[in-house]
Amino acid sequence: MFAALDVAKGKVIASLQRRQRHQEFLRFLEHIDAAVPEGLDIYLAMDNYGTHKMPKVKRRFARRPRYHLALHADQRQLVESGGTLLWPTHRSP
């Protein structure tokens, strides 16, 4: 299962996958793109799961500037427990 939290709406965006390879993670990112309106940036705090480090995943993030990969001190426990946190914000003009 891949899951993200839309903090602004208090809603979970989830995708149940049979496997957890980079292909499934890419499909989950497509699911996030469909669920989060254009004009909102997406911040992800991810664990050290190898799927996030695959070349295809890195290229996808590089081509989508609305995605920001971040790790903040207040998210450390979430990340260490294997979670991924998503929070969309409005883009600055």
PDB file of N, CA and C in Angstrom:
ATOM      1  N   MET A   1       0.842  -1.178   0.000  1.00  0.00           N
ATOM      2  CA  MET A   1       0.000   0.000   0.000  1.00  0.00           C
ATOM      3  C   MET A   1       0.887   1.240   0.000  1.00  0.00           C
ATOM      4  N   PHE A   2       0.568   2.165  -0.872  1.00  0.00           N
ATOM      5  CA  PHE A   2       1.188   3.483  -0.870  1.00  0.00           C
ATOM      6  C   PHE A   2       0.107   4.443  -0.394  1.00  0.00           C
ATOM      7  N   ALA A   3       0.470   5.353   0.493  1.00  0.00           N
ATOM      8  CA  ALA A   3      -0.514   6.292   1.012  1.00  0.00           C
ATOM      9  C   ALA A   3       0.123   7.655   1.198  1.00  0.00           C
ATOM     10  N   ALA A   4      -0.692   8.677   1.019  1.00  0.00           N
ATOM     11  CA  ALA A   4      -0.266  10.059   1.212  1.00  0.00           C
ATOM     12  C   ALA A   4      -1.397  10.791   1.918  1.00  0.00           C
ATOM     13  N   LEU A   5      -1.035  11.801   2.658  1.00  0.00           N
ATOM     14  CA  LEU A   5      -2.016  12.586   3.396  1.00  0.00           C
ATOM     15  C   LEU A   5      -2.109  13.973   2.782  1.00  0.00           C
ATOM     16  N   ASP A   6      -3.305  14.343   2.379  1.00  0.00           N
ATOM     17  CA  ASP A   6      -3.564  15.700   1.927  1.00  0.00           C
ATOM     18  C   ASP A   6      -3.949  16.481   3.177  1.00  0.00           C
ATOM     19  N   VAL A   7      -2.975  17.162   3.750  1.00  0.00           N
ATOM     20  CA  VAL A   7      -3.174  17.847   5.025  1.00  0.00           C
ATOM     21  C   VAL A   7      -4.236  18.937   4.905  1.00  0.00           C
ATOM     22  N   ALA A   8      -4.259  19.646   3.786  1.00  0.00           N
ATOM     23  CA  ALA A   8      -5.208  20.744   3.616  1.00  0.00           C
ATOM     24  C   ALA A   8      -6.654  20.261   3.690  1.00  0.00           C
ATOM     25  N   LYS A   9      -6.925  19.078   3.152  1.00  0.00           N
ATOM     26  CA  LYS A   9      -8.290  18.548   3.142  1.00  0.00           C
ATOM     27  C   LYS A   9      -8.523  17.490   4.208  1.00  0.00           C
ATOM     28  N   GLY A  10      -7.464  17.029   4.847  1.00  0.00           N
ATOM     29  CA  GLY A  10      -7.593  15.969   5.834  1.00  0.00           C
ATOM     30  C   GLY A  10      -8.000  14.655   5.199  1.00  0.00           C
ATOM     31  N   LYS A  11      -7.492  14.394   4.004  1.00  0.00           N
ATOM     32  CA  LYS A  11      -7.903  13.210   3.260  1.00  0.00           C
ATOM     33  C   LYS A  11      -6.681  12.365   2.910  1.00  0.00           C
ATOM     34  N   VAL A  12      -6.878  11.067   2.862  1.00  0.00           N
ATOM     35  CA  VAL A  12      -5.809  10.141   2.506  1.00  0.00           C
ATOM     36  C   VAL A  12      -5.945   9.773   1.035  1.00  0.00           C
ATOM     37  N   ILE A  13      -4.826   9.837   0.343  1.00  0.00           N
ATOM     38  CA  ILE A  13      -4.753   9.384  -1.044  1.00  0.00           C
ATOM     39  C   ILE A  13      -3.994   8.069  -0.979  1.00  0.00           C
ATOM     40  N   ALA A  14      -4.638   6.986  -1.386  1.00  0.00           N
ATOM     41  CA  ALA A  14      -4.008   5.677  -1.233  1.00  0.00           C
ATOM     42  C   ALA A  14      -4.114   4.857  -2.506  1.00  0.00           C
ATOM     43  N   SER A  15      -3.192   3.941  -2.631  1.00  0.00           N
ATOM     44  CA  SER A  15      -3.176   3.022  -3.758  1.00  0.00           C
ATOM     45  C   SER A  15      -2.698   1.672  -3.248  1.00  0.00           C
ATOM     46  N   LEU A  16      -3.535   0.679  -3.390  1.00  0.00           N
ATOM     47  CA  LEU A  16      -3.192  -0.663  -2.953  1.00  0.00           C
ATOM     48  C   LEU A  16      -2.566  -1.394  -4.141  1.00  0.00           C
ATOM     49  N   GLN A  17      -1.346  -1.820  -3.970  1.00  0.00           N
ATOM     50  CA  GLN A  17      -0.616  -2.498  -5.051  1.00  0.00           C
ATOM     51  C   GLN A  17      -0.202  -3.880  -4.583  1.00  0.00           C
ATOM     52  N   ARG A  18      -0.182  -4.796  -5.492  1.00  0.00           N
ATOM     53  CA  ARG A  18       0.237  -6.156  -5.164  1.00  0.00           C
ATOM     54  C   ARG A  18       1.726  -6.213  -4.843  1.00  0.00           C
ATOM     55  N   ARG A  19       2.496  -5.395  -5.550  1.00  0.00           N
ATOM     56  CA  ARG A  19       3.939  -5.325  -5.336  1.00  0.00           C
ATOM     57  C   ARG A  19       4.322  -3.887  -5.045  1.00  0.00           C
ATOM     58  N   GLN A  20       5.550  -3.670  -4.588  1.00  0.00           N
ATOM     59  CA  GLN A  20       5.993  -2.317  -4.247  1.00  0.00           C
ATOM     60  C   GLN A  20       7.301  -1.993  -4.959  1.00  0.00           C
ATOM     61  N   ARG A  21       7.287  -2.172  -6.264  1.00  0.00           N
ATOM     62  CA  ARG A  21       8.450  -1.832  -7.087  1.00  0.00           C
ATOM     63  C   ARG A  21       8.319  -0.391  -7.555  1.00  0.00           C
ATOM     64  N   HIS A  22       9.328   0.067  -8.291  1.00  0.00           N
ATOM     65  CA  HIS A  22       9.269   1.451  -8.759  1.00  0.00           C
ATOM     66  C   HIS A  22       8.117   1.652  -9.742  1.00  0.00           C
ATOM     67  N   GLN A  23       7.731   0.618 -10.493  1.00  0.00           N
ATOM     68  CA  GLN A  23       6.609   0.751 -11.427  1.00  0.00           C
ATOM     69  C   GLN A  23       5.314   1.084 -10.679  1.00  0.00           C
ATOM     70  N   GLU A  24       5.106   0.407  -9.573  1.00  0.00           N
ATOM     71  CA  GLU A  24       3.909   0.685  -8.781  1.00  0.00           C
ATOM     72  C   GLU A  24       3.975   2.061  -8.127  1.00  0.00           C
ATOM     73  N   PHE A  25       5.162   2.453  -7.696  1.00  0.00           N
ATOM     74  CA  PHE A  25       5.315   3.780  -7.106  1.00  0.00           C
ATOM     75  C   PHE A  25       5.034   4.862  -8.146  1.00  0.00           C
ATOM     76  N   LEU A  26       5.476   4.661  -9.384  1.00  0.00           N
ATOM     77  CA  LEU A  26       5.183   5.623 -10.453  1.00  0.00           C
ATOM     78  C   LEU A  26       3.681   5.722 -10.696  1.00  0.00           C
ATOM     79  N   ARG A  27       2.985   4.598 -10.654  1.00  0.00           N
ATOM     80  CA  ARG A  27       1.522   4.638 -10.802  1.00  0.00           C
ATOM     81  C   ARG A  27       0.883   5.397  -9.642  1.00  0.00           C
ATOM     82  N   PHE A  28       1.424   5.219  -8.449  1.00  0.00           N
ATOM     83  CA  PHE A  28       0.909   5.964  -7.296  1.00  0.00           C
ATOM     84  C   PHE A  28       1.115   7.463  -7.488  1.00  0.00           C
ATOM     85  N   LEU A  29       2.261   7.864  -8.014  1.00  0.00           N
ATOM     86  CA  LEU A  29       2.496   9.284  -8.276  1.00  0.00           C
ATOM     87  C   LEU A  29       1.502   9.818  -9.303  1.00  0.00           C
ATOM     88  N   GLU A  30       1.143   9.010 -10.286  1.00  0.00           N
ATOM     89  CA  GLU A  30       0.103   9.418 -11.245  1.00  0.00           C
ATOM     90  C   GLU A  30      -1.229   9.607 -10.515  1.00  0.00           C
ATOM     91  N   HIS A  31      -1.506   8.731  -9.571  1.00  0.00           N
ATOM     92  CA  HIS A  31      -2.724   8.840  -8.753  1.00  0.00           C
ATOM     93  C   HIS A  31      -2.721  10.154  -7.964  1.00  0.00           C
ATOM     94  N   ILE A  32      -1.575  10.516  -7.405  1.00  0.00           N
ATOM     95  CA  ILE A  32      -1.451  11.783  -6.683  1.00  0.00           C
ATOM     96  C   ILE A  32      -1.665  12.951  -7.640  1.00  0.00           C
ATOM     97  N   ASP A  33      -1.038  12.895  -8.819  1.00  0.00           N
ATOM     98  CA  ASP A  33      -1.222  13.966  -9.803  1.00  0.00           C
ATOM     99  C   ASP A  33      -2.692  14.170 -10.140  1.00  0.00           C
ATOM    100  N   ALA A  34      -3.429  13.089 -10.267  1.00  0.00           N
ATOM    101  CA  ALA A  34      -4.851  13.187 -10.597  1.00  0.00           C
ATOM    102  C   ALA A  34      -5.670  13.748  -9.431  1.00  0.00           C
ATOM    103  N   ALA A  35      -5.243  13.470  -8.209  1.00  0.00           N
ATOM    104  CA  ALA A  35      -6.004  13.886  -7.028  1.00  0.00           C
ATOM    105  C   ALA A  35      -5.705  15.309  -6.569  1.00  0.00           C
ATOM    106  N   VAL A  36      -4.516  15.818  -6.879  1.00  0.00           N
ATOM    107  CA  VAL A  36      -4.108  17.148  -6.418  1.00  0.00           C
ATOM    108  C   VAL A  36      -4.231  18.132  -7.580  1.00  0.00           C
ATOM    109  N   PRO A  37      -5.052  19.169  -7.419  1.00  0.00           N
ATOM    110  CA  PRO A  37      -5.273  20.123  -8.511  1.00  0.00           C
ATOM    111  C   PRO A  37      -3.978  20.804  -8.974  1.00  0.00           C
ATOM    112  N   GLU A  38      -3.945  21.109 -10.271  1.00  0.00           N
ATOM    113  CA  GLU A  38      -2.834  21.893 -10.814  1.00  0.00           C
ATOM    114  C   GLU A  38      -2.759  23.197 -10.033  1.00  0.00           C
ATOM    115  N   GLY A  39      -1.597  23.755  -9.941  1.00  0.00           N
ATOM    116  CA  GLY A  39      -1.424  24.995  -9.203  1.00  0.00           C
ATOM    117  C   GLY A  39      -1.031  24.768  -7.752  1.00  0.00           C
ATOM    118  N   LEU A  40      -1.118  23.532  -7.299  1.00  0.00           N
ATOM    119  CA  LEU A  40      -0.675  23.206  -5.949  1.00  0.00           C
ATOM    120  C   LEU A  40       0.651  22.460  -6.038  1.00  0.00           C
ATOM    121  N   ASP A  41       1.577  22.839  -5.194  1.00  0.00           N
ATOM    122  CA  ASP A  41       2.832  22.109  -5.096  1.00  0.00           C
ATOM    123  C   ASP A  41       2.612  20.890  -4.206  1.00  0.00           C
ATOM    124  N   ILE A  42       3.432  19.884  -4.394  1.00  0.00           N
ATOM    125  CA  ILE A  42       3.331  18.651  -3.626  1.00  0.00           C
ATOM    126  C   ILE A  42       4.664  18.413  -2.931  1.00  0.00           C
ATOM    127  N   TYR A  43       4.602  18.294  -1.630  1.00  0.00           N
ATOM    128  CA  TYR A  43       5.802  18.042  -0.834  1.00  0.00           C
ATOM    129  C   TYR A  43       5.741  16.604  -0.330  1.00  0.00           C
ATOM    130  N   LEU A  44       6.803  15.875  -0.564  1.00  0.00           N
ATOM    131  CA  LEU A  44       6.865  14.479  -0.137  1.00  0.00           C
ATOM    132  C   LEU A  44       8.009  14.286   0.848  1.00  0.00           C
ATOM    133  N   ALA A  45       7.701  13.641   1.931  1.00  0.00           N
ATOM    134  CA  ALA A  45       8.740  13.179   2.851  1.00  0.00           C
ATOM    135  C   ALA A  45       8.670  11.662   2.790  1.00  0.00           C
ATOM    136  N   MET A  46       9.736  11.052   2.305  1.00  0.00           N
ATOM    137  CA  MET A  46       9.702   9.608   2.079  1.00  0.00           C
ATOM    138  C   MET A  46      10.759   8.906   2.915  1.00  0.00           C
ATOM    139  N   ASP A  47      10.507   7.644   3.187  1.00  0.00           N
ATOM    140  CA  ASP A  47      11.489   6.836   3.889  1.00  0.00           C
ATOM    141  C   ASP A  47      12.646   6.507   2.942  1.00  0.00           C
ATOM    142  N   ASN A  48      13.542   5.664   3.358  1.00  0.00           N
ATOM    143  CA  ASN A  48      14.692   5.348   2.515  1.00  0.00           C
ATOM    144  C   ASN A  48      14.444   4.122   1.644  1.00  0.00           C
ATOM    145  N   TYR A  49      13.214   3.833   1.370  1.00  0.00           N
ATOM    146  CA  TYR A  49      12.802   2.733   0.514  1.00  0.00           C
ATOM    147  C   TYR A  49      13.463   2.888  -0.860  1.00  0.00           C
ATOM    148  N   GLY A  50      14.073   1.862  -1.386  1.00  0.00           N
ATOM    149  CA  GLY A  50      14.846   1.934  -2.624  1.00  0.00           C
ATOM    150  C   GLY A  50      14.055   2.347  -3.851  1.00  0.00           C
ATOM    151  N   THR A  51      12.745   2.110  -3.844  1.00  0.00           N
ATOM    152  CA  THR A  51      11.902   2.463  -4.981  1.00  0.00           C
ATOM    153  C   THR A  51      12.009   3.941  -5.329  1.00  0.00           C
ATOM    154  N   HIS A  52      12.131   4.786  -4.337  1.00  0.00           N
ATOM    155  CA  HIS A  52      12.184   6.230  -4.568  1.00  0.00           C
ATOM    156  C   HIS A  52      13.483   6.656  -5.243  1.00  0.00           C
ATOM    157  N   LYS A  53      14.484   5.790  -5.209  1.00  0.00           N
ATOM    158  CA  LYS A  53      15.810   6.146  -5.711  1.00  0.00           C
ATOM    159  C   LYS A  53      16.081   5.615  -7.110  1.00  0.00           C
ATOM    160  N   MET A  54      15.129   4.940  -7.715  1.00  0.00           N
ATOM    161  CA  MET A  54      15.319   4.370  -9.048  1.00  0.00           C
ATOM    162  C   MET A  54      15.425   5.485 -10.087  1.00  0.00           C
ATOM    163  N   PRO A  55      16.244   5.288 -11.128  1.00  0.00           N
ATOM    164  CA  PRO A  55      16.437   6.328 -12.145  1.00  0.00           C
ATOM    165  C   PRO A  55      15.139   6.839 -12.770  1.00  0.00           C
ATOM    166  N   LYS A  56      14.187   5.959 -13.073  1.00  0.00           N
ATOM    167  CA  LYS A  56      12.924   6.414 -13.679  1.00  0.00           C
ATOM    168  C   LYS A  56      12.145   7.313 -12.729  1.00  0.00           C
ATOM    169  N   VAL A  57      12.185   7.008 -11.455  1.00  0.00           N
ATOM    170  CA  VAL A  57      11.485   7.824 -10.459  1.00  0.00           C
ATOM    171  C   VAL A  57      12.177   9.175 -10.321  1.00  0.00           C
ATOM    172  N   LYS A  58      13.498   9.171 -10.264  1.00  0.00           N
ATOM    173  CA  LYS A  58      14.248  10.430 -10.179  1.00  0.00           C
ATOM    174  C   LYS A  58      13.983  11.312 -11.393  1.00  0.00           C
ATOM    175  N   ARG A  59      13.949  10.707 -12.585  1.00  0.00           N
ATOM    176  CA  ARG A  59      13.652  11.495 -13.804  1.00  0.00           C
ATOM    177  C   ARG A  59      12.253  12.084 -13.744  1.00  0.00           C
ATOM    178  N   ARG A  60      11.315  11.312 -13.232  1.00  0.00           N
ATOM    179  CA  ARG A  60       9.939  11.814 -13.141  1.00  0.00           C
ATOM    180  C   ARG A  60       9.868  13.034 -12.231  1.00  0.00           C
ATOM    181  N   PHE A  61      10.519  12.949 -11.083  1.00  0.00           N
ATOM    182  CA  PHE A  61      10.538  14.104 -10.186  1.00  0.00           C
ATOM    183  C   PHE A  61      11.236  15.297 -10.838  1.00  0.00           C
ATOM    184  N   ALA A  62      12.301  15.063 -11.575  1.00  0.00           N
ATOM    185  CA  ALA A  62      13.034  16.151 -12.226  1.00  0.00           C
ATOM    186  C   ALA A  62      12.177  16.858 -13.269  1.00  0.00           C
ATOM    187  N   ARG A  63      11.265  16.132 -13.907  1.00  0.00           N
ATOM    188  CA  ARG A  63      10.395  16.720 -14.938  1.00  0.00           C
ATOM    189  C   ARG A  63       9.154  17.388 -14.369  1.00  0.00           C
ATOM    190  N   ARG A  64       8.917  17.255 -13.086  1.00  0.00           N
ATOM    191  CA  ARG A  64       7.717  17.824 -12.463  1.00  0.00           C
ATOM    192  C   ARG A  64       8.118  18.740 -11.308  1.00  0.00           C
ATOM    193  N   PRO A  65       8.268  20.014 -11.618  1.00  0.00           N
ATOM    194  CA  PRO A  65       8.739  20.950 -10.587  1.00  0.00           C
ATOM    195  C   PRO A  65       7.765  21.166  -9.438  1.00  0.00           C
ATOM    196  N   ARG A  66       6.530  20.720  -9.550  1.00  0.00           N
ATOM    197  CA  ARG A  66       5.604  20.911  -8.423  1.00  0.00           C
ATOM    198  C   ARG A  66       5.874  19.927  -7.288  1.00  0.00           C
ATOM    199  N   TYR A  67       6.674  18.910  -7.560  1.00  0.00           N
ATOM    200  CA  TYR A  67       7.061  17.957  -6.519  1.00  0.00           C
ATOM    201  C   TYR A  67       8.304  18.449  -5.808  1.00  0.00           C
ATOM    202  N   HIS A  68       8.257  18.433  -4.491  1.00  0.00           N
ATOM    203  CA  HIS A  68       9.393  18.827  -3.662  1.00  0.00           C
ATOM    204  C   HIS A  68       9.653  17.682  -2.688  1.00  0.00           C
ATOM    205  N   LEU A  69      10.860  17.190  -2.696  1.00  0.00           N
ATOM    206  CA  LEU A  69      11.231  16.104  -1.794  1.00  0.00           C
ATOM    207  C   LEU A  69      11.926  16.730  -0.611  1.00  0.00           C
ATOM    208  N   ALA A  70      11.368  16.509   0.560  1.00  0.00           N
ATOM    209  CA  ALA A  70      11.890  17.192   1.741  1.00  0.00           C
ATOM    210  C   ALA A  70      11.848  16.272   2.945  1.00  0.00           C
ATOM    211  N   LEU A  71      12.742  16.555   3.870  1.00  0.00           N
ATOM    212  CA  LEU A  71      12.734  15.904   5.166  1.00  0.00           C
ATOM    213  C   LEU A  71      12.953  16.983   6.208  1.00  0.00           C
ATOM    214  N   HIS A  72      11.943  17.208   7.009  1.00  0.00           N
ATOM    215  CA  HIS A  72      12.027  18.206   8.070  1.00  0.00           C
ATOM    216  C   HIS A  72      12.102  17.489   9.410  1.00  0.00           C
ATOM    217  N   ALA A  73      12.670  18.131  10.379  1.00  0.00           N
ATOM    218  CA  ALA A  73      12.862  17.519  11.702  1.00  0.00           C
ATOM    219  C   ALA A  73      11.552  16.984  12.282  1.00  0.00           C
ATOM    220  N   ASP A  74      10.447  17.698  12.076  1.00  0.00           N
ATOM    221  CA  ASP A  74       9.185  17.254  12.666  1.00  0.00           C
ATOM    222  C   ASP A  74       8.600  16.047  11.950  1.00  0.00           C
ATOM    223  N   GLN A  75       9.171  15.651  10.820  1.00  0.00           N
ATOM    224  CA  GLN A  75       8.688  14.485  10.090  1.00  0.00           C
ATOM    225  C   GLN A  75       9.607  13.290  10.274  1.00  0.00           C
ATOM    226  N   ARG A  76      10.667  13.453  11.016  1.00  0.00           N
ATOM    227  CA  ARG A  76      11.661  12.380  11.138  1.00  0.00           C
ATOM    228  C   ARG A  76      11.039  11.067  11.595  1.00  0.00           C
ATOM    229  N   GLN A  77      10.178  11.113  12.594  1.00  0.00           N
ATOM    230  CA  GLN A  77       9.593   9.876  13.098  1.00  0.00           C
ATOM    231  C   GLN A  77       8.732   9.210  12.033  1.00  0.00           C
ATOM    232  N   LEU A  78       7.964   9.990  11.293  1.00  0.00           N
ATOM    233  CA  LEU A  78       7.140   9.436  10.225  1.00  0.00           C
ATOM    234  C   LEU A  78       8.016   8.728   9.208  1.00  0.00           C
ATOM    235  N   VAL A  79       9.072   9.387   8.785  1.00  0.00           N
ATOM    236  CA  VAL A  79       9.936   8.819   7.767  1.00  0.00           C
ATOM    237  C   VAL A  79      10.639   7.574   8.284  1.00  0.00           C
ATOM    238  N   GLU A  80      11.106   7.611   9.512  1.00  0.00           N
ATOM    239  CA  GLU A  80      11.794   6.451  10.072  1.00  0.00           C
ATOM    240  C   GLU A  80      10.855   5.262  10.243  1.00  0.00           C
ATOM    241  N   SER A  81       9.568   5.532  10.368  1.00  0.00           N
ATOM    242  CA  SER A  81       8.618   4.438  10.527  1.00  0.00           C
ATOM    243  C   SER A  81       8.170   3.883   9.181  1.00  0.00           C
ATOM    244  N   GLY A  82       8.700   4.412   8.080  1.00  0.00           N
ATOM    245  CA  GLY A  82       8.380   3.871   6.759  1.00  0.00           C
ATOM    246  C   GLY A  82       7.229   4.569   6.071  1.00  0.00           C
ATOM    247  N   GLY A  83       6.872   5.754   6.518  1.00  0.00           N
ATOM    248  CA  GLY A  83       5.746   6.455   5.913  1.00  0.00           C
ATOM    249  C   GLY A  83       6.165   7.455   4.854  1.00  0.00           C
ATOM    250  N   THR A  84       5.217   7.905   4.089  1.00  0.00           N
ATOM    251  CA  THR A  84       5.405   8.973   3.123  1.00  0.00           C
ATOM    252  C   THR A  84       4.334  10.013   3.409  1.00  0.00           C
ATOM    253  N   LEU A  85       4.714  11.248   3.508  1.00  0.00           N
ATOM    254  CA  LEU A  85       3.769  12.311   3.827  1.00  0.00           C
ATOM    255  C   LEU A  85       3.675  13.260   2.643  1.00  0.00           C
ATOM    256  N   LEU A  86       2.471  13.629   2.281  1.00  0.00           N
ATOM    257  CA  LEU A  86       2.218  14.545   1.176  1.00  0.00           C
ATOM    258  C   LEU A  86       1.443  15.723   1.725  1.00  0.00           C
ATOM    259  N   TRP A  87       1.839  16.925   1.364  1.00  0.00           N
ATOM    260  CA  TRP A  87       1.011  18.077   1.700  1.00  0.00           C
ATOM    261  C   TRP A  87       1.089  19.081   0.554  1.00  0.00           C
ATOM    262  N   PRO A  88      -0.051  19.333  -0.129  1.00  0.00           N
ATOM    263  CA  PRO A  88      -0.068  20.294  -1.234  1.00  0.00           C
ATOM    264  C   PRO A  88      -0.179  21.715  -0.692  1.00  0.00           C
ATOM    265  N   THR A  89       0.462  22.646  -1.381  1.00  0.00           N
ATOM    266  CA  THR A  89       0.371  24.047  -1.019  1.00  0.00           C
ATOM    267  C   THR A  89       0.208  24.860  -2.287  1.00  0.00           C
ATOM    268  N   HIS A  90      -0.315  26.064  -2.145  1.00  0.00           N
ATOM    269  CA  HIS A  90      -0.454  26.940  -3.312  1.00  0.00           C
ATOM    270  C   HIS A  90       0.915  27.420  -3.737  1.00  0.00           C
ATOM    271  N   ARG A  91       1.110  27.491  -5.038  1.00  0.00           N
ATOM    272  CA  ARG A  91       2.376  28.001  -5.565  1.00  0.00           C
ATOM    273  C   ARG A  91       2.440  29.500  -5.388  1.00  0.00           C
ATOM    274  N   SER A  92       3.625  29.963  -5.107  1.00  0.00           N
ATOM    275  CA  SER A  92       3.840  31.407  -5.029  1.00  0.00           C
ATOM    276  C   SER A  92       3.889  31.957  -6.446  1.00  0.00           C
ATOM    277  N   PRO A  93       3.330  33.156  -6.667  1.00  0.00           N
ATOM    278  CA  PRO A  93       3.359  33.734  -8.021  1.00  0.00           C
ATOM    279  C   PRO A  93       4.756  34.030  -8.498  1.00  0.00           C
TER     280      PRO A  93
END
